[in-house]
Amino acid sequence: MMSKRLSKTLFLASVLIFSFVADEILQSNPYVGPVYFTAFMICIFIILMNFLVTIICDAIAVGAFRERDHDQELVDYLWRSLKEIIGVYSPPWHFLGLWRT
């Protein structure tokens, strides 16, 4: 009994990494086998997508609370450096009496 459970668990694990043989599913039961397989793949896909969306949402939430000053300074420095490399000159804003908005 335990070897059947182990073999089924190993089979489902191999399905997760897409190294399975579809003939084994069809030989076990040509009608119910594909239905169970499709239901399993849909459930696993939904669970994995849920994990992915959760990780992305958490990363966005953490990033929203970070200070943006350092990031803005870095972007300004990179932009000025790129303009110097290209040869485009723009005078500093405070000399022109203009301020960034």
N, C-alpha and C. Protein backbone atom coordinates (compact mmCIF):
# COMPACT_ATOMS: atom_id res chain seq x y z
N MET A 1 0.82 -1.19 0.00
CA MET A 1 0.00 0.00 0.00
C MET A 1 0.88 1.26 0.00
N MET A 2 1.93 1.23 0.79
CA MET A 2 2.80 2.41 0.85
C MET A 2 3.56 2.61 -0.46
N SER A 3 3.91 1.54 -1.11
CA SER A 3 4.64 1.68 -2.37
C SER A 3 3.75 2.29 -3.45
N LYS A 4 2.44 2.01 -3.42
CA LYS A 4 1.52 2.62 -4.38
C LYS A 4 1.44 4.13 -4.14
N ARG A 5 1.34 4.53 -2.88
CA ARG A 5 1.29 5.95 -2.56
C ARG A 5 2.59 6.64 -2.97
N LEU A 6 3.69 5.98 -2.71
CA LEU A 6 4.98 6.56 -3.07
C LEU A 6 5.11 6.69 -4.58
N SER A 7 4.69 5.67 -5.30
CA SER A 7 4.79 5.73 -6.76
C SER A 7 3.86 6.81 -7.33
N LYS A 8 2.67 6.96 -6.74
CA LYS A 8 1.75 8.01 -7.20
C LYS A 8 2.31 9.39 -6.89
N THR A 9 2.89 9.54 -5.72
CA THR A 9 3.49 10.82 -5.34
C THR A 9 4.66 11.16 -6.26
N LEU A 10 5.49 10.18 -6.55
CA LEU A 10 6.60 10.42 -7.46
C LEU A 10 6.12 10.75 -8.87
N PHE A 11 5.04 10.11 -9.29
CA PHE A 11 4.48 10.40 -10.60
C PHE A 11 3.97 11.84 -10.66
N LEU A 12 3.24 12.28 -9.62
CA LEU A 12 2.73 13.64 -9.61
C LEU A 12 3.87 14.65 -9.55
N ALA A 13 4.94 14.31 -8.85
CA ALA A 13 6.10 15.20 -8.81
C ALA A 13 6.75 15.28 -10.19
N SER A 14 6.80 14.16 -10.89
CA SER A 14 7.38 14.19 -12.24
C SER A 14 6.48 14.96 -13.20
N VAL A 15 5.19 14.96 -12.96
CA VAL A 15 4.27 15.73 -13.79
C VAL A 15 4.54 17.22 -13.60
N LEU A 16 4.87 17.62 -12.39
CA LEU A 16 5.14 19.03 -12.12
C LEU A 16 6.32 19.55 -12.92
N ILE A 17 7.29 18.70 -13.21
CA ILE A 17 8.44 19.15 -14.00
C ILE A 17 8.32 18.67 -15.45
N PHE A 18 7.11 18.26 -15.84
CA PHE A 18 6.77 17.89 -17.20
C PHE A 18 7.63 16.75 -17.76
N SER A 19 7.95 15.79 -16.92
CA SER A 19 8.66 14.61 -17.42
C SER A 19 7.79 13.38 -17.17
N PHE A 20 6.70 13.28 -17.88
CA PHE A 20 5.78 12.17 -17.72
C PHE A 20 5.46 11.58 -19.08
N VAL A 21 4.88 10.41 -19.06
CA VAL A 21 4.49 9.73 -20.29
C VAL A 21 2.97 9.66 -20.31
N ALA A 22 2.36 10.23 -21.31
CA ALA A 22 0.90 10.30 -21.38
C ALA A 22 0.28 8.92 -21.59
N ASP A 23 1.04 7.98 -22.15
CA ASP A 23 0.49 6.64 -22.37
C ASP A 23 0.14 5.95 -21.05
N GLU A 24 0.91 6.23 -20.00
CA GLU A 24 0.61 5.62 -18.70
C GLU A 24 -0.73 6.11 -18.17
N ILE A 25 -1.03 7.37 -18.39
CA ILE A 25 -2.31 7.91 -17.93
C ILE A 25 -3.45 7.28 -18.72
N LEU A 26 -3.28 7.17 -20.03
CA LEU A 26 -4.34 6.60 -20.86
C LEU A 26 -4.52 5.11 -20.63
N GLN A 27 -3.44 4.39 -20.29
CA GLN A 27 -3.56 2.95 -20.04
C GLN A 27 -4.27 2.68 -18.72
N SER A 28 -4.10 3.56 -17.74
CA SER A 28 -4.75 3.32 -16.46
C SER A 28 -6.27 3.41 -16.59
N ASN A 29 -6.74 4.46 -17.22
CA ASN A 29 -8.16 4.61 -17.49
C ASN A 29 -8.30 5.64 -18.60
N PRO A 30 -8.74 5.23 -19.78
CA PRO A 30 -8.75 6.16 -20.92
C PRO A 30 -9.70 7.34 -20.77
N TYR A 31 -10.68 7.25 -19.89
CA TYR A 31 -11.65 8.34 -19.74
C TYR A 31 -11.40 9.19 -18.50
N VAL A 32 -11.20 8.54 -17.38
CA VAL A 32 -11.06 9.26 -16.12
C VAL A 32 -9.63 9.77 -15.92
N GLY A 33 -8.65 9.06 -16.43
CA GLY A 33 -7.25 9.44 -16.26
C GLY A 33 -6.95 10.85 -16.76
N PRO A 34 -7.30 11.16 -18.01
CA PRO A 34 -7.05 12.53 -18.50
C PRO A 34 -7.82 13.61 -17.73
N VAL A 35 -9.02 13.26 -17.25
CA VAL A 35 -9.80 14.23 -16.47
C VAL A 35 -9.08 14.55 -15.17
N TYR A 36 -8.63 13.52 -14.45
CA TYR A 36 -7.90 13.75 -13.20
C TYR A 36 -6.59 14.48 -13.47
N PHE A 37 -5.93 14.11 -14.54
CA PHE A 37 -4.66 14.77 -14.87
C PHE A 37 -4.89 16.25 -15.15
N THR A 38 -5.90 16.57 -15.94
CA THR A 38 -6.21 17.96 -16.26
C THR A 38 -6.60 18.73 -15.02
N ALA A 39 -7.42 18.13 -14.15
CA ALA A 39 -7.81 18.80 -12.91
C ALA A 39 -6.60 19.06 -12.02
N PHE A 40 -5.70 18.08 -11.94
CA PHE A 40 -4.49 18.25 -11.14
C PHE A 40 -3.63 19.39 -11.68
N MET A 41 -3.44 19.43 -13.00
CA MET A 41 -2.61 20.48 -13.60
C MET A 41 -3.23 21.86 -13.41
N ILE A 42 -4.54 21.96 -13.52
CA ILE A 42 -5.21 23.25 -13.32
C ILE A 42 -5.05 23.71 -11.87
N CYS A 43 -5.24 22.79 -10.93
CA CYS A 43 -5.08 23.15 -9.51
C CYS A 43 -3.66 23.59 -9.21
N ILE A 44 -2.68 22.86 -9.70
CA ILE A 44 -1.28 23.23 -9.47
C ILE A 44 -0.97 24.57 -10.11
N PHE A 45 -1.48 24.81 -11.31
CA PHE A 45 -1.25 26.09 -11.98
C PHE A 45 -1.84 27.23 -11.17
N ILE A 46 -3.04 27.06 -10.66
CA ILE A 46 -3.67 28.12 -9.87
C ILE A 46 -2.88 28.37 -8.59
N ILE A 47 -2.42 27.32 -7.93
CA ILE A 47 -1.65 27.48 -6.70
C ILE A 47 -0.33 28.18 -6.98
N LEU A 48 0.38 27.77 -8.03
CA LEU A 48 1.66 28.40 -8.35
C LEU A 48 1.49 29.85 -8.77
N MET A 49 0.44 30.16 -9.53
CA MET A 49 0.19 31.55 -9.91
C MET A 49 -0.16 32.39 -8.69
N ASN A 50 -0.87 31.80 -7.74
CA ASN A 50 -1.19 32.50 -6.50
C ASN A 50 0.08 32.84 -5.74
N PHE A 51 1.02 31.89 -5.66
CA PHE A 51 2.30 32.16 -5.01
C PHE A 51 3.03 33.29 -5.73
N LEU A 52 3.06 33.25 -7.05
CA LEU A 52 3.76 34.27 -7.82
C LEU A 52 3.15 35.65 -7.60
N VAL A 53 1.84 35.75 -7.66
CA VAL A 53 1.16 37.02 -7.45
C VAL A 53 1.39 37.53 -6.04
N THR A 54 1.39 36.64 -5.05
CA THR A 54 1.64 37.04 -3.67
C THR A 54 3.04 37.60 -3.52
N ILE A 55 4.02 36.96 -4.10
CA ILE A 55 5.40 37.44 -4.02
C ILE A 55 5.53 38.80 -4.68
N ILE A 56 4.92 38.97 -5.84
CA ILE A 56 5.00 40.25 -6.53
C ILE A 56 4.30 41.35 -5.73
N CYS A 57 3.14 41.06 -5.18
CA CYS A 57 2.41 42.06 -4.40
C CYS A 57 3.18 42.45 -3.15
N ASP A 58 3.80 41.48 -2.48
CA ASP A 58 4.61 41.79 -1.30
C ASP A 58 5.82 42.65 -1.68
N ALA A 59 6.44 42.37 -2.79
CA ALA A 59 7.58 43.16 -3.23
C ALA A 59 7.17 44.59 -3.56
N ILE A 60 6.03 44.74 -4.17
CA ILE A 60 5.54 46.08 -4.48
C ILE A 60 5.19 46.84 -3.20
N ALA A 61 4.57 46.15 -2.25
CA ALA A 61 4.20 46.80 -0.99
C ALA A 61 5.43 47.25 -0.22
N VAL A 62 6.47 46.44 -0.20
CA VAL A 62 7.71 46.82 0.49
C VAL A 62 8.37 47.98 -0.24
N GLY A 63 8.37 47.95 -1.55
CA GLY A 63 8.98 49.01 -2.34
C GLY A 63 8.25 50.33 -2.21
N ALA A 64 6.95 50.31 -1.92
CA ALA A 64 6.19 51.54 -1.79
C ALA A 64 6.58 52.32 -0.54
N PHE A 65 7.08 51.64 0.49
CA PHE A 65 7.43 52.30 1.73
C PHE A 65 8.88 52.74 1.79
N ARG A 66 9.67 52.38 0.79
CA ARG A 66 11.07 52.79 0.78
C ARG A 66 11.18 54.26 0.43
N GLU A 67 12.28 54.83 0.84
CA GLU A 67 12.55 56.22 0.48
C GLU A 67 12.82 56.30 -1.02
N ARG A 68 12.24 57.28 -1.66
CA ARG A 68 12.41 57.42 -3.09
C ARG A 68 13.52 58.42 -3.42
N ASP A 69 14.04 59.11 -2.40
CA ASP A 69 15.06 60.12 -2.67
C ASP A 69 16.32 59.50 -3.25
N HIS A 70 16.76 58.42 -2.66
CA HIS A 70 17.99 57.78 -3.14
C HIS A 70 17.81 57.30 -4.58
N ASP A 71 16.67 56.73 -4.86
CA ASP A 71 16.42 56.25 -6.22
C ASP A 71 16.40 57.42 -7.21
N GLN A 72 15.77 58.52 -6.83
CA GLN A 72 15.72 59.67 -7.72
C GLN A 72 17.10 60.26 -7.93
N GLU A 73 17.93 60.32 -6.88
CA GLU A 73 19.29 60.81 -7.03
C GLU A 73 20.10 59.92 -7.96
N LEU A 74 19.93 58.63 -7.83
CA LEU A 74 20.64 57.70 -8.69
C LEU A 74 20.23 57.87 -10.15
N VAL A 75 18.94 58.02 -10.40
CA VAL A 75 18.46 58.21 -11.76
C VAL A 75 18.99 59.53 -12.32
N ASP A 76 18.97 60.58 -11.50
CA ASP A 76 19.50 61.87 -11.96
C ASP A 76 20.98 61.77 -12.31
N TYR A 77 21.75 61.09 -11.47
CA TYR A 77 23.18 60.93 -11.73
C TYR A 77 23.41 60.16 -13.03
N LEU A 78 22.68 59.06 -13.22
CA LEU A 78 22.84 58.27 -14.45
C LEU A 78 22.43 59.07 -15.68
N TRP A 79 21.37 59.87 -15.56
CA TRP A 79 20.92 60.68 -16.68
C TRP A 79 21.95 61.75 -17.03
N ARG A 80 22.50 62.42 -16.02
CA ARG A 80 23.55 63.42 -16.28
C ARG A 80 24.78 62.77 -16.90
N SER A 81 25.16 61.60 -16.41
CA SER A 81 26.33 60.91 -16.96
C SER A 81 26.10 60.54 -18.42
N LEU A 82 24.92 60.07 -18.72
CA LEU A 82 24.60 59.71 -20.10
C LEU A 82 24.63 60.94 -21.01
N LYS A 83 24.10 62.05 -20.51
CA LYS A 83 24.13 63.27 -21.30
C LYS A 83 25.56 63.76 -21.53
N GLU A 84 26.44 63.59 -20.53
CA GLU A 84 27.83 63.98 -20.71
C GLU A 84 28.53 63.10 -21.73
N ILE A 85 28.22 61.81 -21.71
CA ILE A 85 28.83 60.89 -22.67
C ILE A 85 28.37 61.24 -24.08
N ILE A 86 27.10 61.53 -24.25
CA ILE A 86 26.57 61.87 -25.57
C ILE A 86 27.05 63.24 -26.00
N GLY A 87 27.27 64.13 -25.06
CA GLY A 87 27.72 65.47 -25.39
C GLY A 87 26.63 66.51 -25.32
N VAL A 88 25.52 66.19 -24.71
CA VAL A 88 24.42 67.13 -24.55
C VAL A 88 24.64 67.87 -23.23
N TYR A 89 24.62 69.20 -23.29
CA TYR A 89 24.83 69.98 -22.08
C TYR A 89 23.54 70.69 -21.72
N SER A 90 23.18 70.59 -20.46
CA SER A 90 22.06 71.38 -19.95
C SER A 90 22.54 72.04 -18.67
N PRO A 91 22.38 73.36 -18.59
CA PRO A 91 22.87 74.05 -17.40
C PRO A 91 22.07 73.64 -16.17
N PRO A 92 22.64 73.76 -15.00
CA PRO A 92 21.91 73.42 -13.77
C PRO A 92 20.64 74.26 -13.64
N TRP A 93 19.64 73.70 -13.05
CA TRP A 93 18.33 74.34 -12.95
C TRP A 93 18.38 75.60 -12.09
N HIS A 94 19.18 75.60 -11.06
CA HIS A 94 19.15 76.76 -10.16
C HIS A 94 19.81 77.99 -10.80
N PHE A 95 20.66 77.81 -11.81
CA PHE A 95 21.24 78.96 -12.51
C PHE A 95 20.23 79.62 -13.43
N LEU A 96 19.30 78.85 -13.93
CA LEU A 96 18.31 79.39 -14.84
C LEU A 96 17.12 79.99 -14.11
N GLY A 97 17.05 79.77 -12.81
CA GLY A 97 15.90 80.25 -12.05
C GLY A 97 14.69 79.35 -12.21
N LEU A 98 14.89 78.16 -12.73
CA LEU A 98 13.79 77.19 -12.91
C LEU A 98 13.93 76.08 -11.88
N TRP A 99 12.85 75.57 -11.49
CA TRP A 99 12.87 74.44 -10.56
C TRP A 99 12.10 73.29 -11.18
N ARG A 100 12.51 72.10 -10.81
CA ARG A 100 11.80 70.92 -11.32
C ARG A 100 10.48 70.77 -10.60
N THR A 101 9.52 70.27 -11.35
CA THR A 101 8.21 70.04 -10.75
C THR A 101 7.94 68.58 -10.68
